[in-house]
PDB file of N, CA and C in Angstrom:
ATOM      1  N   UNK A   1       0.721  -1.357  -0.091  1.00  0.00           N
ATOM      2  CA  UNK A   1      -0.014  -0.031  -0.371  1.00  0.00           C
ATOM      3  C   UNK A   1       0.743   1.060   0.125  1.00  0.00           C
ATOM      4  N   UNK A   2       0.699   2.386  -0.875  1.00  0.00           N
ATOM      5  CA  UNK A   2       1.070   3.160  -1.099  1.00  0.00           C
ATOM      6  C   UNK A   2       0.847   4.429   0.374  1.00  0.00           C
ATOM      7  N   UNK A   3       1.958   5.114   0.246  1.00  0.00           N
ATOM      8  CA  UNK A   3       1.453   6.174   2.022  1.00  0.00           C
ATOM      9  C   UNK A   3       0.928   7.675   0.823  1.00  0.00           C
ATOM     10  N   UNK A   4       0.135   8.382   1.357  1.00  0.00           N
ATOM     11  CA  UNK A   4      -0.504   9.478   1.202  1.00  0.00           C
ATOM     12  C   UNK A   4       0.578  10.729   1.173  1.00  0.00           C
ATOM     13  N   UNK A   5       1.247  11.611   0.235  1.00  0.00           N
ATOM     14  CA  UNK A   5       1.623  12.686   0.103  1.00  0.00           C
ATOM     15  C   UNK A   5       0.768  13.652   1.156  1.00  0.00           C
ATOM     16  N   UNK A   6      -0.391  13.282   1.120  1.00  0.00           N
ATOM     17  CA  UNK A   6      -1.512  14.456   1.891  1.00  0.00           C
ATOM     18  C   UNK A   6      -1.865  14.300   3.129  1.00  0.00           C
ATOM     19  N   UNK A   7      -1.338  14.828   4.457  1.00  0.00           N
ATOM     20  CA  UNK A   7      -1.359  14.488   5.637  1.00  0.00           C
ATOM     21  C   UNK A   7      -2.439  15.404   6.098  1.00  0.00           C
ATOM     22  N   UNK A   8      -3.539  14.896   6.741  1.00  0.00           N
ATOM     23  CA  UNK A   8      -4.253  15.583   7.001  1.00  0.00           C
ATOM     24  C   UNK A   8      -4.596  14.926   8.489  1.00  0.00           C
ATOM     25  N   UNK A   9      -4.660  16.293   9.707  1.00  0.00           N
ATOM     26  CA  UNK A   9      -4.243  16.051  11.003  1.00  0.00           C
ATOM     27  C   UNK A   9      -5.402  16.036  11.724  1.00  0.00           C
ATOM     28  N   UNK A  10      -6.305  16.721  11.248  1.00  0.00           N
ATOM     29  CA  UNK A  10      -7.524  16.809  11.915  1.00  0.00           C
ATOM     30  C   UNK A  10      -9.058  16.948  10.585  1.00  0.00           C
ATOM     31  N   UNK A  11      -9.083  15.637  10.431  1.00  0.00           N
ATOM     32  CA  UNK A  11     -10.152  15.408   9.641  1.00  0.00           C
ATOM     33  C   UNK A  11     -11.430  15.961   9.991  1.00  0.00           C
ATOM     34  N   UNK A  12     -12.183  16.421  11.001  1.00  0.00           N
ATOM     35  CA  UNK A  12     -13.327  16.233  11.300  1.00  0.00           C
ATOM     36  C   UNK A  12     -13.428  18.122  11.250  1.00  0.00           C
ATOM     37  N   UNK A  13     -12.375  18.670  10.256  1.00  0.00           N
ATOM     38  CA  UNK A  13     -12.463  20.261  10.247  1.00  0.00           C
ATOM     39  C   UNK A  13     -11.903  20.497   8.517  1.00  0.00           C
ATOM     40  N   UNK A  14     -12.369  21.530   8.817  1.00  0.00           N
ATOM     41  CA  UNK A  14     -12.441  22.175   6.761  1.00  0.00           C
ATOM     42  C   UNK A  14     -10.267  22.628   7.270  1.00  0.00           C
ATOM     43  N   UNK A  15     -10.373  22.399   5.822  1.00  0.00           N
ATOM     44  CA  UNK A  15      -8.786  22.624   5.503  1.00  0.00           C
ATOM     45  C   UNK A  15      -8.760  23.684   4.578  1.00  0.00           C
ATOM     46  N   UNK A  16      -7.750  24.611   4.426  1.00  0.00           N
ATOM     47  CA  UNK A  16      -7.418  25.380   3.122  1.00  0.00           C
ATOM     48  C   UNK A  16      -6.481  25.067   2.274  1.00  0.00           C
ATOM     49  N   UNK A  17      -6.438  24.741   1.291  1.00  0.00           N
ATOM     50  CA  UNK A  17      -5.853  24.126   0.473  1.00  0.00           C
ATOM     51  C   UNK A  17      -5.154  24.798  -1.066  1.00  0.00           C
ATOM     52  N   UNK A  18      -4.251  24.687  -1.402  1.00  0.00           N
ATOM     53  CA  UNK A  18      -3.792  25.885  -2.609  1.00  0.00           C
ATOM     54  C   UNK A  18      -3.052  24.377  -3.956  1.00  0.00           C
ATOM     55  N   UNK A  19      -3.635  24.719  -5.016  1.00  0.00           N
ATOM     56  CA  UNK A  19      -2.846  23.729  -5.818  1.00  0.00           C
ATOM     57  C   UNK A  19      -2.208  24.839  -6.585  1.00  0.00           C
ATOM     58  N   UNK A  20      -0.850  24.465  -7.206  1.00  0.00           N
ATOM     59  CA  UNK A  20      -0.509  25.301  -8.395  1.00  0.00           C
ATOM     60  C   UNK A  20      -0.335  24.511 -10.001  1.00  0.00           C
ATOM     61  N   UNK A  21      -0.498  25.721 -10.649  1.00  0.00           N
ATOM     62  CA  UNK A  21       0.232  25.010 -12.157  1.00  0.00           C
ATOM     63  C   UNK A  21       1.676  24.941 -12.389  1.00  0.00           C
ATOM     64  N   UNK A  22       2.264  23.898 -12.899  1.00  0.00           N
ATOM     65  CA  UNK A  22       3.875  23.448 -12.945  1.00  0.00           C
ATOM     66  C   UNK A  22       4.180  24.741 -13.524  1.00  0.00           C
ATOM     67  N   UNK A  23       5.325  25.226 -13.030  1.00  0.00           N
ATOM     68  CA  UNK A  23       6.175  26.568 -13.179  1.00  0.00           C
ATOM     69  C   UNK A  23       5.003  27.754 -13.518  1.00  0.00           C
ATOM     70  N   UNK A  24       4.006  27.967 -12.674  1.00  0.00           N
ATOM     71  CA  UNK A  24       3.138  29.282 -12.775  1.00  0.00           C
ATOM     72  C   UNK A  24       2.790  29.322 -13.443  1.00  0.00           C
ATOM     73  N   UNK A  25       2.632  28.700 -15.045  1.00  0.00           N
ATOM     74  CA  UNK A  25       2.283  28.654 -15.946  1.00  0.00           C
ATOM     75  C   UNK A  25       0.312  29.218 -16.200  1.00  0.00           C
ATOM     76  N   UNK A  26       0.268  30.274 -16.995  1.00  0.00           N
ATOM     77  CA  UNK A  26      -1.305  30.354 -17.163  1.00  0.00           C
ATOM     78  C   UNK A  26      -2.260  29.584 -17.608  1.00  0.00           C
ATOM     79  N   UNK A  27      -2.096  28.542 -16.928  1.00  0.00           N
ATOM     80  CA  UNK A  27      -2.847  27.542 -17.938  1.00  0.00           C
ATOM     81  C   UNK A  27      -4.666  27.269 -17.750  1.00  0.00           C
ATOM     82  N   UNK A  28      -5.016  28.206 -16.335  1.00  0.00           N
ATOM     83  CA  UNK A  28      -6.454  28.085 -15.975  1.00  0.00           C
ATOM     84  C   UNK A  28      -7.606  29.063 -16.748  1.00  0.00           C
ATOM     85  N   UNK A  29      -7.128  29.525 -18.132  1.00  0.00           N
ATOM     86  CA  UNK A  29      -7.795  30.741 -18.267  1.00  0.00           C
ATOM     87  C   UNK A  29      -8.776  30.747 -19.244  1.00  0.00           C
ATOM     88  N   UNK A  30      -8.850  29.068 -19.738  1.00  0.00           N
ATOM     89  CA  UNK A  30     -10.167  28.424 -20.670  1.00  0.00           C
ATOM     90  C   UNK A  30     -11.079  28.310 -19.620  1.00  0.00           C
ATOM     91  N   UNK A  31     -12.236  28.719 -20.045  1.00  0.00           N
ATOM     92  CA  UNK A  31     -13.846  28.349 -19.575  1.00  0.00           C
ATOM     93  C   UNK A  31     -13.667  26.541 -19.152  1.00  0.00           C
ATOM     94  N   UNK A  32     -13.451  25.765 -20.121  1.00  0.00           N
ATOM     95  CA  UNK A  32     -13.546  24.250 -20.508  1.00  0.00           C
ATOM     96  C   UNK A  32     -12.717  24.019 -19.421  1.00  0.00           C
ATOM     97  N   UNK A  33     -11.341  24.484 -19.049  1.00  0.00           N
ATOM     98  CA  UNK A  33     -10.794  23.538 -18.124  1.00  0.00           C
ATOM     99  C   UNK A  33     -11.170  23.688 -16.781  1.00  0.00           C
ATOM    100  N   UNK A  34     -11.892  25.276 -16.301  1.00  0.00           N
ATOM    101  CA  UNK A  34     -11.951  25.203 -14.947  1.00  0.00           C
ATOM    102  C   UNK A  34     -13.649  24.626 -15.168  1.00  0.00           C
ATOM    103  N   UNK A  35     -14.178  24.380 -16.201  1.00  0.00           N
ATOM    104  CA  UNK A  35     -15.552  23.732 -15.274  1.00  0.00           C
ATOM    105  C   UNK A  35     -15.355  21.998 -15.008  1.00  0.00           C
ATOM    106  N   UNK A  36     -13.856  21.632 -15.853  1.00  0.00           N
ATOM    107  CA  UNK A  36     -13.266  20.028 -15.043  1.00  0.00           C
ATOM    108  C   UNK A  36     -12.866  20.301 -13.991  1.00  0.00           C
ATOM    109  N   UNK A  37     -12.523  21.000 -13.566  1.00  0.00           N
ATOM    110  CA  UNK A  37     -12.196  21.187 -12.198  1.00  0.00           C
ATOM    111  C   UNK A  37     -13.418  21.113 -11.010  1.00  0.00           C
ATOM    112  N   UNK A  38     -14.627  22.222 -11.752  1.00  0.00           N
ATOM    113  CA  UNK A  38     -15.984  22.218 -10.837  1.00  0.00           C
ATOM    114  C   UNK A  38     -16.538  20.605 -11.423  1.00  0.00           C
ATOM    115  N   UNK A  39     -16.465  20.280 -12.013  1.00  0.00           N
ATOM    116  CA  UNK A  39     -17.469  18.783 -12.337  1.00  0.00           C
ATOM    117  C   UNK A  39     -16.577  17.815 -11.414  1.00  0.00           C
ATOM    118  N   UNK A  40     -15.558  17.623 -11.347  1.00  0.00           N
ATOM    119  CA  UNK A  40     -14.794  17.011 -10.498  1.00  0.00           C
ATOM    120  C   UNK A  40     -14.799  17.129  -9.001  1.00  0.00           C
ATOM    121  N   UNK A  41     -15.201  18.562  -8.541  1.00  0.00           N
ATOM    122  CA  UNK A  41     -15.425  18.798  -7.441  1.00  0.00           C
ATOM    123  C   UNK A  41     -17.421  18.561  -6.945  1.00  0.00           C
ATOM    124  N   UNK A  42     -17.897  18.811  -8.236  1.00  0.00           N
ATOM    125  CA  UNK A  42     -19.484  18.113  -7.961  1.00  0.00           C
ATOM    126  C   UNK A  42     -19.771  16.416  -8.050  1.00  0.00           C
ATOM    127  N   UNK A  43     -18.922  15.797  -8.846  1.00  0.00           N
ATOM    128  CA  UNK A  43     -18.411  14.225  -8.536  1.00  0.00           C
ATOM    129  C   UNK A  43     -18.160  13.956  -7.214  1.00  0.00           C
ATOM    130  N   UNK A  44     -17.355  14.714  -6.368  1.00  0.00           N
ATOM    131  CA  UNK A  44     -16.690  14.254  -5.000  1.00  0.00           C
ATOM    132  C   UNK A  44     -17.644  14.604  -4.094  1.00  0.00           C
ATOM    133  N   UNK A  45     -18.359  15.738  -4.265  1.00  0.00           N
ATOM    134  CA  UNK A  45     -19.653  16.234  -3.150  1.00  0.00           C
ATOM    135  C   UNK A  45     -20.281  15.289  -3.114  1.00  0.00           C
ATOM    136  N   UNK A  46     -20.795  14.727  -4.797  1.00  0.00           N
ATOM    137  CA  UNK A  46     -21.882  13.565  -4.798  1.00  0.00           C
ATOM    138  C   UNK A  46     -21.680  12.167  -4.475  1.00  0.00           C
ATOM    139  N   UNK A  47     -20.034  11.817  -4.396  1.00  0.00           N
ATOM    140  CA  UNK A  47     -19.849  10.610  -4.014  1.00  0.00           C
ATOM    141  C   UNK A  47     -18.815  10.177  -2.949  1.00  0.00           C
ATOM    142  N   UNK A  48     -18.371  11.530  -2.550  1.00  0.00           N
ATOM    143  CA  UNK A  48     -16.994  10.654  -1.698  1.00  0.00           C
ATOM    144  C   UNK A  48     -17.176  11.924  -0.465  1.00  0.00           C
ATOM    145  N   UNK A  49     -18.739  12.586  -0.123  1.00  0.00           N
ATOM    146  CA  UNK A  49     -18.713  13.260   0.671  1.00  0.00           C
ATOM    147  C   UNK A  49     -17.813  14.408   1.168  1.00  0.00           C
ATOM    148  N   UNK A  50     -17.528  15.108   0.390  1.00  0.00           N
ATOM    149  CA  UNK A  50     -16.839  16.182  -0.026  1.00  0.00           C
ATOM    150  C   UNK A  50     -17.586  17.349  -0.064  1.00  0.00           C
ATOM    151  N   UNK A  51     -17.578  18.175   1.534  1.00  0.00           N
ATOM    152  CA  UNK A  51     -18.187  19.315   1.462  1.00  0.00           C
ATOM    153  C   UNK A  51     -17.457  20.695   1.163  1.00  0.00           C
ATOM    154  N   UNK A  52     -17.473  21.358   0.309  1.00  0.00           N
ATOM    155  CA  UNK A  52     -16.376  22.597  -0.604  1.00  0.00           C
ATOM    156  C   UNK A  52     -17.288  23.930  -0.357  1.00  0.00           C
ATOM    157  N   UNK A  53     -16.928  24.992   0.897  1.00  0.00           N
ATOM    158  CA  UNK A  53     -17.104  25.643   1.387  1.00  0.00           C
ATOM    159  C   UNK A  53     -16.711  27.183   0.785  1.00  0.00           C
ATOM    160  N   UNK A  54     -15.671  26.704  -0.589  1.00  0.00           N
ATOM    161  CA  UNK A  54     -15.181  28.287  -0.984  1.00  0.00           C
ATOM    162  C   UNK A  54     -14.306  27.733  -1.825  1.00  0.00           C
ATOM    163  N   UNK A  55     -14.266  28.174  -3.264  1.00  0.00           N
ATOM    164  CA  UNK A  55     -12.787  28.715  -3.884  1.00  0.00           C
ATOM    165  C   UNK A  55     -12.735  29.371  -4.789  1.00  0.00           C
ATOM    166  N   UNK A  56     -11.514  29.796  -5.302  1.00  0.00           N
ATOM    167  CA  UNK A  56     -11.095  30.770  -6.014  1.00  0.00           C
ATOM    168  C   UNK A  56     -10.044  30.265  -6.981  1.00  0.00           C
ATOM    169  N   UNK A  57     -10.833  30.298  -8.177  1.00  0.00           N
ATOM    170  CA  UNK A  57      -9.543  30.114  -9.492  1.00  0.00           C
ATOM    171  C   UNK A  57      -8.565  31.029 -10.061  1.00  0.00           C
ATOM    172  N   UNK A  58      -7.186  30.978  -9.882  1.00  0.00           N
ATOM    173  CA  UNK A  58      -6.695  32.125 -10.830  1.00  0.00           C
ATOM    174  C   UNK A  58      -6.034  31.432 -12.165  1.00  0.00           C
ATOM    175  N   UNK A  59      -5.298  32.097 -12.689  1.00  0.00           N
ATOM    176  CA  UNK A  59      -5.043  31.786 -13.889  1.00  0.00           C
ATOM    177  C   UNK A  59      -3.405  30.931 -13.735  1.00  0.00           C
ATOM    178  N   UNK A  60      -3.252  30.863 -12.690  1.00  0.00           N
ATOM    179  CA  UNK A  60      -2.277  29.796 -12.553  1.00  0.00           C
ATOM    180  C   UNK A  60      -2.137  28.982 -10.922  1.00  0.00           C
ATOM    181  N   UNK A  61      -3.176  29.284 -10.158  1.00  0.00           N
ATOM    182  CA  UNK A  61      -3.003  28.154  -9.159  1.00  0.00           C
ATOM    183  C   UNK A  61      -4.872  28.652  -8.545  1.00  0.00           C
ATOM    184  N   UNK A  62      -5.442  27.893  -7.515  1.00  0.00           N
ATOM    185  CA  UNK A  62      -6.202  27.952  -7.080  1.00  0.00           C
ATOM    186  C   UNK A  62      -6.317  27.498  -5.182  1.00  0.00           C
ATOM    187  N   UNK A  63      -7.152  28.278  -4.998  1.00  0.00           N
ATOM    188  CA  UNK A  63      -7.520  28.195  -3.405  1.00  0.00           C
ATOM    189  C   UNK A  63      -9.044  27.713  -2.983  1.00  0.00           C
ATOM    190  N   UNK A  64      -9.110  26.718  -2.296  1.00  0.00           N
ATOM    191  CA  UNK A  64     -10.270  25.901  -1.904  1.00  0.00           C
ATOM    192  C   UNK A  64     -10.158  25.834  -0.241  1.00  0.00           C
ATOM    193  N   UNK A  65     -11.067  25.795   0.055  1.00  0.00           N
ATOM    194  CA  UNK A  65     -11.723  25.480   1.564  1.00  0.00           C
ATOM    195  C   UNK A  65     -12.378  23.930   1.465  1.00  0.00           C
ATOM    196  N   UNK A  66     -12.079  22.836   2.161  1.00  0.00           N
ATOM    197  CA  UNK A  66     -12.866  21.787   2.113  1.00  0.00           C
ATOM    198  C   UNK A  66     -12.930  20.833   3.401  1.00  0.00           C
ATOM    199  N   UNK A  67     -13.442  19.990   3.395  1.00  0.00           N
ATOM    200  CA  UNK A  67     -13.675  18.703   4.478  1.00  0.00           C
ATOM    201  C   UNK A  67     -14.240  17.847   3.632  1.00  0.00           C
ATOM    202  N   UNK A  68     -13.631  16.146   4.121  1.00  0.00           N
ATOM    203  CA  UNK A  68     -14.270  15.084   3.734  1.00  0.00           C
ATOM    204  C   UNK A  68     -14.007  14.140   4.673  1.00  0.00           C
ATOM    205  N   UNK A  69     -14.945  12.935   4.682  1.00  0.00           N
ATOM    206  CA  UNK A  69     -14.273  11.574   5.426  1.00  0.00           C
ATOM    207  C   UNK A  69     -12.746  11.217   5.342  1.00  0.00           C
ATOM    208  N   UNK A  70     -12.340  11.084   4.363  1.00  0.00           N
ATOM    209  CA  UNK A  70     -10.864  11.142   3.859  1.00  0.00           C
ATOM    210  C   UNK A  70     -10.242  12.383   2.786  1.00  0.00           C
ATOM    211  N   UNK A  71     -10.272  13.316   3.680  1.00  0.00           N
ATOM    212  CA  UNK A  71      -9.704  14.058   2.729  1.00  0.00           C
ATOM    213  C   UNK A  71      -8.555  14.018   2.085  1.00  0.00           C
ATOM    214  N   UNK A  72      -7.477  13.301   2.346  1.00  0.00           N
ATOM    215  CA  UNK A  72      -6.361  13.474   1.523  1.00  0.00           C
ATOM    216  C   UNK A  72      -6.657  12.109   0.214  1.00  0.00           C
ATOM    217  N   UNK A  73      -7.735  11.733   0.157  1.00  0.00           N
ATOM    218  CA  UNK A  73      -7.919  10.688  -1.124  1.00  0.00           C
ATOM    219  C   UNK A  73      -8.422  11.625  -1.708  1.00  0.00           C
ATOM    220  N   UNK A  74      -9.337  12.108  -1.538  1.00  0.00           N
ATOM    221  CA  UNK A  74     -10.584  13.643  -2.407  1.00  0.00           C
ATOM    222  C   UNK A  74      -9.506  14.376  -3.015  1.00  0.00           C
ATOM    223  N   UNK A  75      -8.371  14.915  -2.252  1.00  0.00           N
ATOM    224  CA  UNK A  75      -7.260  16.054  -2.708  1.00  0.00           C
ATOM    225  C   UNK A  75      -6.428  15.199  -3.583  1.00  0.00           C
ATOM    226  N   UNK A  76      -5.819  14.073  -3.241  1.00  0.00           N
ATOM    227  CA  UNK A  76      -5.146  13.497  -4.189  1.00  0.00           C
ATOM    228  C   UNK A  76      -6.177  12.686  -6.221  1.00  0.00           C
ATOM    229  N   UNK A  77      -6.765  12.504  -5.348  1.00  0.00           N
ATOM    230  CA  UNK A  77      -7.954  12.238  -6.618  1.00  0.00           C
ATOM    231  C   UNK A  77      -8.058  13.602  -7.205  1.00  0.00           C
ATOM    232  N   UNK A  78      -8.184  14.441  -6.902  1.00  0.00           N
ATOM    233  CA  UNK A  78      -8.637  15.806  -7.308  1.00  0.00           C
ATOM    234  C   UNK A  78      -7.474  16.236  -8.733  1.00  0.00           C
ATOM    235  N   UNK A  79      -6.651  16.209  -7.578  1.00  0.00           N
ATOM    236  CA  UNK A  79      -5.137  16.527  -8.222  1.00  0.00           C
ATOM    237  C   UNK A  79      -4.954  15.924  -9.581  1.00  0.00           C
ATOM    238  N   UNK A  80      -4.660  14.307  -9.504  1.00  0.00           N
ATOM    239  CA  UNK A  80      -4.527  13.465 -10.455  1.00  0.00           C
ATOM    240  C   UNK A  80      -5.461  13.421 -11.811  1.00  0.00           C
ATOM    241  N   UNK A  81      -6.766  13.497 -11.400  1.00  0.00           N
ATOM    242  CA  UNK A  81      -7.908  13.481 -12.250  1.00  0.00           C
ATOM    243  C   UNK A  81      -7.954  14.704 -13.309  1.00  0.00           C
ATOM    244  N   UNK A  82      -8.155  15.238 -12.541  1.00  0.00           N
ATOM    245  CA  UNK A  82      -8.164  16.991 -13.149  1.00  0.00           C
ATOM    246  C   UNK A  82      -6.829  17.388 -14.122  1.00  0.00           C
ATOM    247  N   UNK A  83      -5.720  16.676 -13.771  1.00  0.00           N
ATOM    248  CA  UNK A  83      -4.735  17.283 -14.347  1.00  0.00           C
ATOM    249  C   UNK A  83      -5.157  16.560 -15.913  1.00  0.00           C
ATOM    250  N   UNK A  84      -5.277  15.073 -15.439  1.00  0.00           N
ATOM    251  CA  UNK A  84      -4.933  13.930 -16.898  1.00  0.00           C
ATOM    252  C   UNK A  84      -6.157  14.346 -17.999  1.00  0.00           C
ATOM    253  N   UNK A  85      -7.335  14.765 -17.473  1.00  0.00           N
ATOM    254  CA  UNK A  85      -8.635  15.754 -18.167  1.00  0.00           C
ATOM    255  C   UNK A  85      -7.871  16.876 -18.646  1.00  0.00           C
ATOM    256  N   UNK A  86      -6.966  17.370 -18.373  1.00  0.00           N
ATOM    257  CA  UNK A  86      -6.612  18.992 -18.955  1.00  0.00           C
ATOM    258  C   UNK A  86      -5.483  19.090 -19.811  1.00  0.00           C
ATOM    259  N   UNK A  87      -4.296  17.783 -19.557  1.00  0.00           N
ATOM    260  CA  UNK A  87      -3.298  17.072 -20.345  1.00  0.00           C
ATOM    261  C   UNK A  87      -4.213  16.997 -21.703  1.00  0.00           C
ATOM    262  N   UNK A  88      -5.058  15.932 -21.361  1.00  0.00           N
ATOM    263  CA  UNK A  88      -5.896  15.568 -22.378  1.00  0.00           C
ATOM    264  C   UNK A  88      -6.649  16.518 -23.550  1.00  0.00           C
ATOM    265  N   UNK A  89      -7.302  17.183 -22.823  1.00  0.00           N
ATOM    266  CA  UNK A  89      -7.860  18.569 -23.587  1.00  0.00           C
ATOM    267  C   UNK A  89      -7.208  19.422 -24.401  1.00  0.00           C
ATOM    268  N   UNK A  90      -5.919  20.014 -23.471  1.00  0.00           N
ATOM    269  CA  UNK A  90      -4.678  20.322 -24.434  1.00  0.00           C
ATOM    270  C   UNK A  90      -4.388  19.976 -25.728  1.00  0.00           C
ATOM    271  N   UNK A  91      -4.297  18.506 -25.285  1.00  0.00           N
ATOM    272  CA  UNK A  91      -3.876  17.905 -26.907  1.00  0.00           C
ATOM    273  C   UNK A  91      -4.768  17.799 -27.656  1.00  0.00           C
ATOM    274  N   UNK A  92      -5.868  17.421 -27.520  1.00  0.00           N
ATOM    275  CA  UNK A  92      -7.184  17.082 -28.470  1.00  0.00           C
ATOM    276  C   UNK A  92      -7.660  18.305 -28.945  1.00  0.00           C
ATOM    277  N   UNK A  93      -7.251  19.577 -28.670  1.00  0.00           N
ATOM    278  CA  UNK A  93      -7.541  20.983 -29.232  1.00  0.00           C
ATOM    279  C   UNK A  93      -6.526  21.449 -29.558  1.00  0.00           C
ATOM    280  N   UNK A  94      -5.058  20.850 -30.118  1.00  0.00           N
ATOM    281  CA  UNK A  94      -4.574  21.508 -30.731  1.00  0.00           C
ATOM    282  C   UNK A  94      -3.262  22.404 -29.650  1.00  0.00           C
ATOM    283  N   UNK A  95      -3.520  22.143 -28.662  1.00  0.00           N
ATOM    284  CA  UNK A  95      -2.285  23.231 -27.769  1.00  0.00           C
ATOM    285  C   UNK A  95      -1.424  22.074 -27.251  1.00  0.00           C
ATOM    286  N   UNK A  96      -1.190  21.462 -27.033  1.00  0.00           N
ATOM    287  CA  UNK A  96       0.099  20.719 -26.934  1.00  0.00           C
ATOM    288  C   UNK A  96       0.794  21.242 -26.378  1.00  0.00           C
ATOM    289  N   UNK A  97       1.497  22.037 -27.352  1.00  0.00           N
ATOM    290  CA  UNK A  97       2.890  22.805 -27.584  1.00  0.00           C
ATOM    291  C   UNK A  97       2.719  23.442 -25.908  1.00  0.00           C
ATOM    292  N   UNK A  98       1.637  23.761 -25.486  1.00  0.00           N
ATOM    293  CA  UNK A  98       2.214  24.609 -23.796  1.00  0.00           C
ATOM    294  C   UNK A  98       2.223  23.782 -22.490  1.00  0.00           C
ATOM    295  N   UNK A  99       2.109  22.184 -23.215  1.00  0.00           N
ATOM    296  CA  UNK A  99       2.818  21.435 -22.427  1.00  0.00           C
ATOM    297  C   UNK A  99       4.319  21.058 -22.374  1.00  0.00           C
ATOM    298  N   UNK A 100       5.012  21.687 -23.024  1.00  0.00           N
ATOM    299  CA  UNK A 100       6.366  21.615 -23.663  1.00  0.00           C
ATOM    300  C   UNK A 100       7.531  22.397 -22.863  1.00  0.00           C
TER     301      UNK A 100
END
């Protein structure tokens, strides 16, 4: 069993989290990409007990306050799922060069 990179010491409390785009490049400027983030949070709210109290999405990063029974699993899933979908979306729309 692998270990989580996200250590949640008080899972019963909300947590303020930040995720950044690699090298702080402005990739979160397209509405379709931001909608992928929102879709993932909606899924986690419906299926993983995520409570999302607030968020802000900026060009290079995002901040959010959330809580879940297994928050480390939610954060890990959120980051890996959305990263994969964003990369695929950029490739599908001929913007793969921005990933170099």
